[in-house]
Amino acid sequence: MSCVKSKLPHPAPARLLYCSDLFTKMRNLVEVQKAPWFVLSALHGLVPADQEIAPYALTSNTMGVEERRAWAARVFEALEPELKGHKRVVFFASQRYREFLVEPIQQAGLQI
């Protein structure tokens, strides 16, 4: 799930830090399924839902192509061990957050 602009004004677990209506709806949907999930943070990369982080203002919309490629490589490196035992990955994220993650995830044998 990608990060969003609306954040609490203080550090909090990632699952609670992002506070837009859309993020809250997506979080509730995923948590009802009891599926493991992470936040795709423009600043921090792959963030476990319960990891506490401080609010920040960076967005993938301000990153150039090479920055997004490097970000995706870091995210995939952190994500790859989490993929073991799973058959698919579901994104709740814009194209900018997914664009360089889809191919390596598919090459790892997972459905998107």
PDB file of N, CA and C in Angstrom:
ATOM      1  N   MET A   1       0.861  -1.157   0.000  1.00  0.00           N
ATOM      2  CA  MET A   1       0.000   0.000   0.000  1.00  0.00           C
ATOM      3  C   MET A   1       0.913   1.226   0.000  1.00  0.00           C
ATOM      4  N   SER A   2       0.625   2.176  -0.874  1.00  0.00           N
ATOM      5  CA  SER A   2       1.505   3.339  -0.931  1.00  0.00           C
ATOM      6  C   SER A   2       1.163   4.349   0.158  1.00  0.00           C
ATOM      7  N   CYS A   3       2.174   5.127   0.498  1.00  0.00           N
ATOM      8  CA  CYS A   3       1.972   6.204   1.450  1.00  0.00           C
ATOM      9  C   CYS A   3       1.047   7.250   0.837  1.00  0.00           C
ATOM     10  N   VAL A   4       0.550   8.132   1.674  1.00  0.00           N
ATOM     11  CA  VAL A   4      -0.329   9.215   1.221  1.00  0.00           C
ATOM     12  C   VAL A   4       0.127  10.519   1.853  1.00  0.00           C
ATOM     13  N   LYS A   5      -0.369  11.605   1.338  1.00  0.00           N
ATOM     14  CA  LYS A   5       0.016  12.933   1.825  1.00  0.00           C
ATOM     15  C   LYS A   5      -0.476  13.196   3.245  1.00  0.00           C
ATOM     16  N   SER A   6      -1.699  12.776   3.556  1.00  0.00           N
ATOM     17  CA  SER A   6      -2.287  13.053   4.879  1.00  0.00           C
ATOM     18  C   SER A   6      -1.644  12.167   5.944  1.00  0.00           C
ATOM     19  N   LYS A   7      -0.981  12.828   6.891  1.00  0.00           N
ATOM     20  CA  LYS A   7      -0.297  12.109   7.963  1.00  0.00           C
ATOM     21  C   LYS A   7      -0.591  12.770   9.305  1.00  0.00           C
ATOM     22  N   LEU A   8      -0.479  11.993  10.347  1.00  0.00           N
ATOM     23  CA  LEU A   8      -0.568  12.564  11.688  1.00  0.00           C
ATOM     24  C   LEU A   8       0.600  13.533  11.878  1.00  0.00           C
ATOM     25  N   PRO A   9       0.502  14.477  12.801  1.00  0.00           N
ATOM     26  CA  PRO A   9       1.587  15.442  12.996  1.00  0.00           C
ATOM     27  C   PRO A   9       2.704  14.941  13.916  1.00  0.00           C
ATOM     28  N   HIS A  10       2.675  13.664  14.279  1.00  0.00           N
ATOM     29  CA  HIS A  10       3.666  13.111  15.208  1.00  0.00           C
ATOM     30  C   HIS A  10       4.001  11.674  14.793  1.00  0.00           C
ATOM     31  N   PRO A  11       5.128  11.140  15.257  1.00  0.00           N
ATOM     32  CA  PRO A  11       5.476   9.760  14.912  1.00  0.00           C
ATOM     33  C   PRO A  11       4.391   8.781  15.371  1.00  0.00           C
ATOM     34  N   ALA A  12       4.222   7.730  14.567  1.00  0.00           N
ATOM     35  CA  ALA A  12       3.226   6.699  14.871  1.00  0.00           C
ATOM     36  C   ALA A  12       3.561   5.464  14.046  1.00  0.00           C
ATOM     37  N   PRO A  13       2.983   4.308  14.414  1.00  0.00           N
ATOM     38  CA  PRO A  13       3.148   3.144  13.544  1.00  0.00           C
ATOM     39  C   PRO A  13       2.632   3.481  12.141  1.00  0.00           C
ATOM     40  N   ALA A  14       3.293   2.975  11.121  1.00  0.00           N
ATOM     41  CA  ALA A  14       2.934   3.305   9.741  1.00  0.00           C
ATOM     42  C   ALA A  14       1.458   3.056   9.467  1.00  0.00           C
ATOM     43  N   ARG A  15       0.884   2.017  10.013  1.00  0.00           N
ATOM     44  CA  ARG A  15      -0.526   1.694   9.761  1.00  0.00           C
ATOM     45  C   ARG A  15      -1.460   2.799  10.248  1.00  0.00           C
ATOM     46  N   LEU A  16      -0.979   3.609  11.189  1.00  0.00           N
ATOM     47  CA  LEU A  16      -1.795   4.697  11.745  1.00  0.00           C
ATOM     48  C   LEU A  16      -1.327   6.082  11.310  1.00  0.00           C
ATOM     49  N   LEU A  17      -0.056   6.198  10.924  1.00  0.00           N
ATOM     50  CA  LEU A  17       0.498   7.505  10.557  1.00  0.00           C
ATOM     51  C   LEU A  17      -0.246   8.122   9.378  1.00  0.00           C
ATOM     52  N   TYR A  18      -0.514   7.306   8.371  1.00  0.00           N
ATOM     53  CA  TYR A  18      -1.200   7.785   7.167  1.00  0.00           C
ATOM     54  C   TYR A  18      -2.692   7.787   7.469  1.00  0.00           C
ATOM     55  N   CYS A  19      -3.318   8.933   7.319  1.00  0.00           N
ATOM     56  CA  CYS A  19      -4.675   9.062   7.864  1.00  0.00           C
ATOM     57  C   CYS A  19      -5.719   9.563   6.864  1.00  0.00           C
ATOM     58  N   SER A  20      -5.466   9.416   5.582  1.00  0.00           N
ATOM     59  CA  SER A  20      -6.503   9.808   4.617  1.00  0.00           C
ATOM     60  C   SER A  20      -7.636   8.788   4.650  1.00  0.00           C
ATOM     61  N   ASP A  21      -8.798   9.193   4.168  1.00  0.00           N
ATOM     62  CA  ASP A  21      -9.938   8.271   4.104  1.00  0.00           C
ATOM     63  C   ASP A  21      -9.605   7.065   3.237  1.00  0.00           C
ATOM     64  N   LEU A  22      -8.968   7.293   2.087  1.00  0.00           N
ATOM     65  CA  LEU A  22      -8.630   6.196   1.187  1.00  0.00           C
ATOM     66  C   LEU A  22      -7.668   5.218   1.853  1.00  0.00           C
ATOM     67  N   PHE A  23      -6.622   5.724   2.487  1.00  0.00           N
ATOM     68  CA  PHE A  23      -5.662   4.849   3.145  1.00  0.00           C
ATOM     69  C   PHE A  23      -6.353   4.037   4.234  1.00  0.00           C
ATOM     70  N   THR A  24      -7.193   4.685   5.020  1.00  0.00           N
ATOM     71  CA  THR A  24      -7.905   3.996   6.096  1.00  0.00           C
ATOM     72  C   THR A  24      -8.788   2.879   5.539  1.00  0.00           C
ATOM     73  N   LYS A  25      -9.468   3.137   4.445  1.00  0.00           N
ATOM     74  CA  LYS A  25     -10.309   2.096   3.822  1.00  0.00           C
ATOM     75  C   LYS A  25      -9.461   0.940   3.309  1.00  0.00           C
ATOM     76  N   MET A  26      -8.340   1.244   2.662  1.00  0.00           N
ATOM     77  CA  MET A  26      -7.462   0.189   2.165  1.00  0.00           C
ATOM     78  C   MET A  26      -6.891  -0.620   3.328  1.00  0.00           C
ATOM     79  N   ARG A  27      -6.444   0.070   4.378  1.00  0.00           N
ATOM     80  CA  ARG A  27      -5.898  -0.616   5.551  1.00  0.00           C
ATOM     81  C   ARG A  27      -6.928  -1.554   6.154  1.00  0.00           C
ATOM     82  N   ASN A  28      -8.155  -1.079   6.309  1.00  0.00           N
ATOM     83  CA  ASN A  28      -9.207  -1.913   6.893  1.00  0.00           C
ATOM     84  C   ASN A  28      -9.475  -3.142   6.032  1.00  0.00           C
ATOM     85  N   LEU A  29      -9.492  -2.969   4.727  1.00  0.00           N
ATOM     86  CA  LEU A  29      -9.714  -4.084   3.809  1.00  0.00           C
ATOM     87  C   LEU A  29      -8.632  -5.148   3.971  1.00  0.00           C
ATOM     88  N   VAL A  30      -7.384  -4.717   4.012  1.00  0.00           N
ATOM     89  CA  VAL A  30      -6.264  -5.652   4.128  1.00  0.00           C
ATOM     90  C   VAL A  30      -6.256  -6.316   5.509  1.00  0.00           C
ATOM     91  N   GLU A  31      -6.497  -5.546   6.546  1.00  0.00           N
ATOM     92  CA  GLU A  31      -6.436  -6.116   7.890  1.00  0.00           C
ATOM     93  C   GLU A  31      -7.567  -7.105   8.155  1.00  0.00           C
ATOM     94  N   VAL A  32      -8.728  -6.914   7.552  1.00  0.00           N
ATOM     95  CA  VAL A  32      -9.820  -7.879   7.675  1.00  0.00           C
ATOM     96  C   VAL A  32      -9.405  -9.221   7.069  1.00  0.00           C
ATOM     97  N   GLN A  33      -8.602  -9.170   6.005  1.00  0.00           N
ATOM     98  CA  GLN A  33      -8.130 -10.389   5.345  1.00  0.00           C
ATOM     99  C   GLN A  33      -7.015 -11.078   6.135  1.00  0.00           C
ATOM    100  N   LYS A  34      -6.493 -10.388   7.129  1.00  0.00           N
ATOM    101  CA  LYS A  34      -5.375 -10.879   7.943  1.00  0.00           C
ATOM    102  C   LYS A  34      -4.139 -11.198   7.081  1.00  0.00           C
ATOM    103  N   ALA A  35      -3.999 -10.437   6.030  1.00  0.00           N
ATOM    104  CA  ALA A  35      -2.856 -10.604   5.131  1.00  0.00           C
ATOM    105  C   ALA A  35      -1.682  -9.769   5.634  1.00  0.00           C
ATOM    106  N   PRO A  36      -0.464 -10.262   5.451  1.00  0.00           N
ATOM    107  CA  PRO A  36       0.687  -9.415   5.796  1.00  0.00           C
ATOM    108  C   PRO A  36       0.736  -8.236   4.821  1.00  0.00           C
ATOM    109  N   TRP A  37       1.113  -7.066   5.322  1.00  0.00           N
ATOM    110  CA  TRP A  37       1.158  -5.906   4.433  1.00  0.00           C
ATOM    111  C   TRP A  37       2.207  -4.910   4.881  1.00  0.00           C
ATOM    112  N   PHE A  38       2.579  -4.067   3.922  1.00  0.00           N
ATOM    113  CA  PHE A  38       3.624  -3.076   4.130  1.00  0.00           C
ATOM    114  C   PHE A  38       3.189  -1.764   3.481  1.00  0.00           C
ATOM    115  N   VAL A  39       3.816  -0.707   3.917  1.00  0.00           N
ATOM    116  CA  VAL A  39       3.617   0.595   3.283  1.00  0.00           C
ATOM    117  C   VAL A  39       4.794   0.837   2.351  1.00  0.00           C
ATOM    118  N   LEU A  40       4.500   1.311   1.157  1.00  0.00           N
ATOM    119  CA  LEU A  40       5.525   1.751   0.223  1.00  0.00           C
ATOM    120  C   LEU A  40       5.725   3.240   0.464  1.00  0.00           C
ATOM    121  N   SER A  41       6.771   3.561   1.188  1.00  0.00           N
ATOM    122  CA  SER A  41       7.048   4.939   1.567  1.00  0.00           C
ATOM    123  C   SER A  41       8.085   5.551   0.640  1.00  0.00           C
ATOM    124  N   ALA A  42       7.776   6.721   0.109  1.00  0.00           N
ATOM    125  CA  ALA A  42       8.724   7.407  -0.766  1.00  0.00           C
ATOM    126  C   ALA A  42      10.040   7.688  -0.032  1.00  0.00           C
ATOM    127  N   LEU A  43       9.986   7.932   1.253  1.00  0.00           N
ATOM    128  CA  LEU A  43      11.185   8.235   2.032  1.00  0.00           C
ATOM    129  C   LEU A  43      11.856   6.983   2.582  1.00  0.00           C
ATOM    130  N   HIS A  44      11.081   6.099   3.166  1.00  0.00           N
ATOM    131  CA  HIS A  44      11.641   4.961   3.902  1.00  0.00           C
ATOM    132  C   HIS A  44      11.685   3.653   3.120  1.00  0.00           C
ATOM    133  N   GLY A  45      11.064   3.586   1.959  1.00  0.00           N
ATOM    134  CA  GLY A  45      11.028   2.340   1.201  1.00  0.00           C
ATOM    135  C   GLY A  45       9.925   1.426   1.709  1.00  0.00           C
ATOM    136  N   LEU A  46      10.261   0.162   1.953  1.00  0.00           N
ATOM    137  CA  LEU A  46       9.293  -0.817   2.437  1.00  0.00           C
ATOM    138  C   LEU A  46       9.202  -0.710   3.957  1.00  0.00           C
ATOM    139  N   VAL A  47       8.020  -0.384   4.463  1.00  0.00           N
ATOM    140  CA  VAL A  47       7.846  -0.161   5.903  1.00  0.00           C
ATOM    141  C   VAL A  47       6.824  -1.157   6.448  1.00  0.00           C
ATOM    142  N   PRO A  48       7.225  -1.985   7.414  1.00  0.00           N
ATOM    143  CA  PRO A  48       6.241  -2.850   8.064  1.00  0.00           C
ATOM    144  C   PRO A  48       5.136  -2.001   8.693  1.00  0.00           C
ATOM    145  N   ALA A  49       3.925  -2.509   8.644  1.00  0.00           N
ATOM    146  CA  ALA A  49       2.766  -1.740   9.108  1.00  0.00           C
ATOM    147  C   ALA A  49       2.901  -1.245  10.544  1.00  0.00           C
ATOM    148  N   ASP A  50       3.556  -2.011  11.393  1.00  0.00           N
ATOM    149  CA  ASP A  50       3.660  -1.613  12.801  1.00  0.00           C
ATOM    150  C   ASP A  50       4.937  -0.843  13.136  1.00  0.00           C
ATOM    151  N   GLN A  51       5.780  -0.581  12.142  1.00  0.00           N
ATOM    152  CA  GLN A  51       7.006   0.190  12.397  1.00  0.00           C
ATOM    153  C   GLN A  51       6.670   1.656  12.609  1.00  0.00           C
ATOM    154  N   GLU A  52       7.174   2.228  13.693  1.00  0.00           N
ATOM    155  CA  GLU A  52       6.922   3.640  13.963  1.00  0.00           C
ATOM    156  C   GLU A  52       7.844   4.508  13.111  1.00  0.00           C
ATOM    157  N   ILE A  53       7.232   5.491  12.466  1.00  0.00           N
ATOM    158  CA  ILE A  53       7.991   6.464  11.676  1.00  0.00           C
ATOM    159  C   ILE A  53       7.400   7.854  11.913  1.00  0.00           C
ATOM    160  N   ALA A  54       8.208   8.855  11.629  1.00  0.00           N
ATOM    161  CA  ALA A  54       7.774  10.246  11.791  1.00  0.00           C
ATOM    162  C   ALA A  54       7.160  10.742  10.479  1.00  0.00           C
ATOM    163  N   PRO A  55       6.295  11.729  10.557  1.00  0.00           N
ATOM    164  CA  PRO A  55       5.729  12.299   9.332  1.00  0.00           C
ATOM    165  C   PRO A  55       6.822  12.934   8.469  1.00  0.00           C
ATOM    166  N   TYR A  56       6.579  12.973   7.173  1.00  0.00           N
ATOM    167  CA  TYR A  56       7.536  13.521   6.215  1.00  0.00           C
ATOM    168  C   TYR A  56       6.761  14.026   5.005  1.00  0.00           C
ATOM    169  N   ALA A  57       7.435  14.729   4.100  1.00  0.00           N
ATOM    170  CA  ALA A  57       6.728  15.348   2.975  1.00  0.00           C
ATOM    171  C   ALA A  57       7.135  14.806   1.607  1.00  0.00           C
ATOM    172  N   LEU A  58       8.068  13.861   1.529  1.00  0.00           N
ATOM    173  CA  LEU A  58       8.523  13.361   0.230  1.00  0.00           C
ATOM    174  C   LEU A  58       7.452  12.526  -0.451  1.00  0.00           C
ATOM    175  N   THR A  59       7.343  12.645  -1.771  1.00  0.00           N
ATOM    176  CA  THR A  59       6.422  11.845  -2.576  1.00  0.00           C
ATOM    177  C   THR A  59       7.153  11.334  -3.811  1.00  0.00           C
ATOM    178  N   SER A  60       6.704  10.214  -4.338  1.00  0.00           N
ATOM    179  CA  SER A  60       7.334   9.688  -5.562  1.00  0.00           C
ATOM    180  C   SER A  60       7.111  10.624  -6.746  1.00  0.00           C
ATOM    181  N   ASN A  61       6.123  11.488  -6.655  1.00  0.00           N
ATOM    182  CA  ASN A  61       5.835  12.425  -7.750  1.00  0.00           C
ATOM    183  C   ASN A  61       6.957  13.433  -7.972  1.00  0.00           C
ATOM    184  N   THR A  62       7.803  13.637  -6.965  1.00  0.00           N
ATOM    185  CA  THR A  62       8.906  14.581  -7.103  1.00  0.00           C
ATOM    186  C   THR A  62      10.219  13.888  -7.448  1.00  0.00           C
ATOM    187  N   MET A  63      10.198  12.568  -7.562  1.00  0.00           N
ATOM    188  CA  MET A  63      11.411  11.801  -7.862  1.00  0.00           C
ATOM    189  C   MET A  63      11.552  11.617  -9.375  1.00  0.00           C
ATOM    190  N   GLY A  64      12.780  11.683  -9.842  1.00  0.00           N
ATOM    191  CA  GLY A  64      13.053  11.396 -11.248  1.00  0.00           C
ATOM    192  C   GLY A  64      13.042   9.893 -11.498  1.00  0.00           C
ATOM    193  N   VAL A  65      13.143   9.509 -12.748  1.00  0.00           N
ATOM    194  CA  VAL A  65      13.080   8.094 -13.130  1.00  0.00           C
ATOM    195  C   VAL A  65      14.181   7.288 -12.451  1.00  0.00           C
ATOM    196  N   GLU A  66      15.412   7.780 -12.489  1.00  0.00           N
ATOM    197  CA  GLU A  66      16.517   7.019 -11.885  1.00  0.00           C
ATOM    198  C   GLU A  66      16.350   6.894 -10.370  1.00  0.00           C
ATOM    199  N   GLU A  67      15.854   7.945  -9.737  1.00  0.00           N
ATOM    200  CA  GLU A  67      15.573   7.863  -8.293  1.00  0.00           C
ATOM    201  C   GLU A  67      14.518   6.809  -8.000  1.00  0.00           C
ATOM    202  N   ARG A  68      13.473   6.744  -8.831  1.00  0.00           N
ATOM    203  CA  ARG A  68      12.410   5.758  -8.637  1.00  0.00           C
ATOM    204  C   ARG A  68      12.919   4.342  -8.895  1.00  0.00           C
ATOM    205  N   ARG A  69      13.800   4.186  -9.869  1.00  0.00           N
ATOM    206  CA  ARG A  69      14.398   2.867 -10.126  1.00  0.00           C
ATOM    207  C   ARG A  69      15.213   2.412  -8.910  1.00  0.00           C
ATOM    208  N   ALA A  70      16.033   3.308  -8.380  1.00  0.00           N
ATOM    209  CA  ALA A  70      16.857   2.975  -7.212  1.00  0.00           C
ATOM    210  C   ALA A  70      15.978   2.678  -6.000  1.00  0.00           C
ATOM    211  N   TRP A  71      14.924   3.466  -5.816  1.00  0.00           N
ATOM    212  CA  TRP A  71      13.978   3.240  -4.715  1.00  0.00           C
ATOM    213  C   TRP A  71      13.342   1.858  -4.852  1.00  0.00           C
ATOM    214  N   ALA A  72      12.889   1.512  -6.057  1.00  0.00           N
ATOM    215  CA  ALA A  72      12.246   0.216  -6.284  1.00  0.00           C
ATOM    216  C   ALA A  72      13.218  -0.932  -6.034  1.00  0.00           C
ATOM    217  N   ALA A  73      14.472  -0.760  -6.408  1.00  0.00           N
ATOM    218  CA  ALA A  73      15.470  -1.811  -6.160  1.00  0.00           C
ATOM    219  C   ALA A  73      15.639  -2.032  -4.658  1.00  0.00           C
ATOM    220  N   ARG A  74      15.679  -0.946  -3.878  1.00  0.00           N
ATOM    221  CA  ARG A  74      15.786  -1.075  -2.410  1.00  0.00           C
ATOM    222  C   ARG A  74      14.539  -1.734  -1.835  1.00  0.00           C
ATOM    223  N   VAL A  75      13.372  -1.338  -2.337  1.00  0.00           N
ATOM    224  CA  VAL A  75      12.119  -1.921  -1.856  1.00  0.00           C
ATOM    225  C   VAL A  75      12.075  -3.408  -2.176  1.00  0.00           C
ATOM    226  N   PHE A  76      12.427  -3.790  -3.397  1.00  0.00           N
ATOM    227  CA  PHE A  76      12.375  -5.203  -3.755  1.00  0.00           C
ATOM    228  C   PHE A  76      13.364  -6.015  -2.927  1.00  0.00           C
ATOM    229  N   GLU A  77      14.529  -5.469  -2.674  1.00  0.00           N
ATOM    230  CA  GLU A  77      15.520  -6.170  -1.842  1.00  0.00           C
ATOM    231  C   GLU A  77      14.951  -6.453  -0.450  1.00  0.00           C
ATOM    232  N   ALA A  78      14.220  -5.493   0.109  1.00  0.00           N
ATOM    233  CA  ALA A  78      13.599  -5.684   1.424  1.00  0.00           C
ATOM    234  C   ALA A  78      12.375  -6.596   1.341  1.00  0.00           C
ATOM    235  N   LEU A  79      11.665  -6.542   0.220  1.00  0.00           N
ATOM    236  CA  LEU A  79      10.443  -7.318   0.051  1.00  0.00           C
ATOM    237  C   LEU A  79      10.701  -8.782  -0.264  1.00  0.00           C
ATOM    238  N   GLU A  80      11.753  -9.066  -0.988  1.00  0.00           N
ATOM    239  CA  GLU A  80      11.995 -10.426  -1.483  1.00  0.00           C
ATOM    240  C   GLU A  80      11.927 -11.503  -0.397  1.00  0.00           C
ATOM    241  N   PRO A  81      12.551 -11.319   0.761  1.00  0.00           N
ATOM    242  CA  PRO A  81      12.434 -12.372   1.785  1.00  0.00           C
ATOM    243  C   PRO A  81      10.999 -12.557   2.292  1.00  0.00           C
ATOM    244  N   GLU A  82      10.202 -11.515   2.224  1.00  0.00           N
ATOM    245  CA  GLU A  82       8.813 -11.565   2.689  1.00  0.00           C
ATOM    246  C   GLU A  82       7.911 -12.323   1.709  1.00  0.00           C
ATOM    247  N   LEU A  83       8.376 -12.525   0.489  1.00  0.00           N
ATOM    248  CA  LEU A  83       7.572 -13.162  -0.546  1.00  0.00           C
ATOM    249  C   LEU A  83       7.549 -14.683  -0.437  1.00  0.00           C
ATOM    250  N   LYS A  84       8.487 -15.237   0.298  1.00  0.00           N
ATOM    251  CA  LYS A  84       8.567 -16.696   0.422  1.00  0.00           C
ATOM    252  C   LYS A  84       7.252 -17.252   0.969  1.00  0.00           C
ATOM    253  N   GLY A  85       6.742 -18.262   0.297  1.00  0.00           N
ATOM    254  CA  GLY A  85       5.508 -18.897   0.726  1.00  0.00           C
ATOM    255  C   GLY A  85       4.245 -18.224   0.211  1.00  0.00           C
ATOM    256  N   HIS A  86       4.406 -17.173  -0.561  1.00  0.00           N
ATOM    257  CA  HIS A  86       3.246 -16.468  -1.114  1.00  0.00           C
ATOM    258  C   HIS A  86       3.193 -16.674  -2.622  1.00  0.00           C
ATOM    259  N   LYS A  87       1.984 -16.586  -3.182  1.00  0.00           N
ATOM    260  CA  LYS A  87       1.788 -16.789  -4.613  1.00  0.00           C
ATOM    261  C   LYS A  87       1.493 -15.500  -5.359  1.00  0.00           C
ATOM    262  N   ARG A  88       1.066 -14.460  -4.626  1.00  0.00           N
ATOM    263  CA  ARG A  88       0.726 -13.213  -5.307  1.00  0.00           C
ATOM    264  C   ARG A  88       0.976 -12.018  -4.407  1.00  0.00           C
ATOM    265  N   VAL A  89       1.060 -10.875  -5.070  1.00  0.00           N
ATOM    266  CA  VAL A  89       1.220  -9.590  -4.400  1.00  0.00           C
ATOM    267  C   VAL A  89       0.087  -8.701  -4.893  1.00  0.00           C
ATOM    268  N   VAL A  90      -0.562  -8.032  -3.976  1.00  0.00           N
ATOM    269  CA  VAL A  90      -1.625  -7.092  -4.325  1.00  0.00           C
ATOM    270  C   VAL A  90      -1.130  -5.688  -3.974  1.00  0.00           C
ATOM    271  N   PHE A  91      -1.195  -4.813  -4.944  1.00  0.00           N
ATOM    272  CA  PHE A  91      -0.801  -3.424  -4.713  1.00  0.00           C
ATOM    273  C   PHE A  91      -2.032  -2.554  -4.536  1.00  0.00           C
ATOM    274  N   PHE A  92      -1.977  -1.673  -3.568  1.00  0.00           N
ATOM    275  CA  PHE A  92      -2.884  -0.541  -3.464  1.00  0.00           C
ATOM    276  C   PHE A  92      -1.958   0.662  -3.575  1.00  0.00           C
ATOM    277  N   ALA A  93      -1.576   0.966  -4.808  1.00  0.00           N
ATOM    278  CA  ALA A  93      -0.561   1.992  -5.029  1.00  0.00           C
ATOM    279  C   ALA A  93      -0.673   2.514  -6.459  1.00  0.00           C
ATOM    280  N   SER A  94      -0.277   3.751  -6.630  1.00  0.00           N
ATOM    281  CA  SER A  94      -0.301   4.362  -7.960  1.00  0.00           C
ATOM    282  C   SER A  94       0.798   3.763  -8.842  1.00  0.00           C
ATOM    283  N   GLN A  95       0.720   4.078 -10.115  1.00  0.00           N
ATOM    284  CA  GLN A  95       1.694   3.597 -11.091  1.00  0.00           C
ATOM    285  C   GLN A  95       3.117   3.966 -10.696  1.00  0.00           C
ATOM    286  N   ARG A  96       3.315   5.145 -10.176  1.00  0.00           N
ATOM    287  CA  ARG A  96       4.669   5.585  -9.804  1.00  0.00           C
ATOM    288  C   ARG A  96       5.301   4.683  -8.757  1.00  0.00           C
ATOM    289  N   TYR A  97       4.504   4.153  -7.857  1.00  0.00           N
ATOM    290  CA  TYR A  97       5.038   3.273  -6.814  1.00  0.00           C
ATOM    291  C   TYR A  97       5.223   1.845  -7.325  1.00  0.00           C
ATOM    292  N   ARG A  98       4.447   1.439  -8.322  1.00  0.00           N
ATOM    293  CA  ARG A  98       4.496   0.064  -8.826  1.00  0.00           C
ATOM    294  C   ARG A  98       5.438  -0.120 -10.011  1.00  0.00           C
ATOM    295  N   GLU A  99       5.686   0.935 -10.771  1.00  0.00           N
ATOM    296  CA  GLU A  99       6.276   0.813 -12.100  1.00  0.00           C
ATOM    297  C   GLU A  99       7.543  -0.026 -12.185  1.00  0.00           C
ATOM    298  N   PHE A 100       8.423   0.063 -11.213  1.00  0.00           N
ATOM    299  CA  PHE A 100       9.674  -0.693 -11.286  1.00  0.00           C
ATOM    300  C   PHE A 100       9.690  -1.870 -10.308  1.00  0.00           C
ATOM    301  N   LEU A 101       8.552  -2.177  -9.719  1.00  0.00           N
ATOM    302  CA  LEU A 101       8.439  -3.333  -8.824  1.00  0.00           C
ATOM    303  C   LEU A 101       7.756  -4.523  -9.491  1.00  0.00           C
ATOM    304  N   VAL A 102       6.899  -4.259 -10.458  1.00  0.00           N
ATOM    305  CA  VAL A 102       6.115  -5.328 -11.080  1.00  0.00           C
ATOM    306  C   VAL A 102       7.016  -6.395 -11.702  1.00  0.00           C
ATOM    307  N   GLU A 103       7.954  -5.982 -12.518  1.00  0.00           N
ATOM    308  CA  GLU A 103       8.794  -6.951 -13.228  1.00  0.00           C
ATOM    309  C   GLU A 103       9.598  -7.851 -12.288  1.00  0.00           C
ATOM    310  N   PRO A 104      10.322  -7.318 -11.299  1.00  0.00           N
ATOM    311  CA  PRO A 104      11.074  -8.232 -10.432  1.00  0.00           C
ATOM    312  C   PRO A 104      10.167  -9.164  -9.615  1.00  0.00           C
ATOM    313  N   ILE A 105       8.995  -8.696  -9.254  1.00  0.00           N
ATOM    314  CA  ILE A 105       8.060  -9.561  -8.514  1.00  0.00           C
ATOM    315  C   ILE A 105       7.576 -10.688  -9.418  1.00  0.00           C
ATOM    316  N   GLN A 106       7.250 -10.373 -10.663  1.00  0.00           N
ATOM    317  CA  GLN A 106       6.832 -11.406 -11.599  1.00  0.00           C
ATOM    318  C   GLN A 106       7.990 -12.366 -11.895  1.00  0.00           C
ATOM    319  N   GLN A 107       9.193 -11.870 -12.011  1.00  0.00           N
ATOM    320  CA  GLN A 107      10.355 -12.728 -12.257  1.00  0.00           C
ATOM    321  C   GLN A 107      10.616 -13.652 -11.074  1.00  0.00           C
ATOM    322  N   ALA A 108      10.169 -13.244  -9.886  1.00  0.00           N
ATOM    323  CA  ALA A 108      10.286 -14.108  -8.703  1.00  0.00           C
ATOM    324  C   ALA A 108       9.198 -15.175  -8.674  1.00  0.00           C
ATOM    325  N   GLY A 109       8.317 -15.158  -9.690  1.00  0.00           N
ATOM    326  CA  GLY A 109       7.298 -16.196  -9.818  1.00  0.00           C
ATOM    327  C   GLY A 109       5.979 -15.890  -9.155  1.00  0.00           C
ATOM    328  N   LEU A 110       5.757 -14.646  -8.796  1.00  0.00           N
ATOM    329  CA  LEU A 110       4.509 -14.284  -8.145  1.00  0.00           C
ATOM    330  C   LEU A 110       3.554 -13.589  -9.107  1.00  0.00           C
ATOM    331  N   GLN A 111       2.293 -13.783  -8.845  1.00  0.00           N
ATOM    332  CA  GLN A 111       1.239 -13.124  -9.617  1.00  0.00           C
ATOM    333  C   GLN A 111       0.972 -11.763  -8.984  1.00  0.00           C
ATOM    334  N   ILE A 112       0.652 -10.795  -9.824  1.00  0.00           N
ATOM    335  CA  ILE A 112       0.312  -9.455  -9.306  1.00  0.00           C
ATOM    336  C   ILE A 112      -1.139  -9.192  -9.596  1.00  0.00           C
TER     337      ILE A 112
END
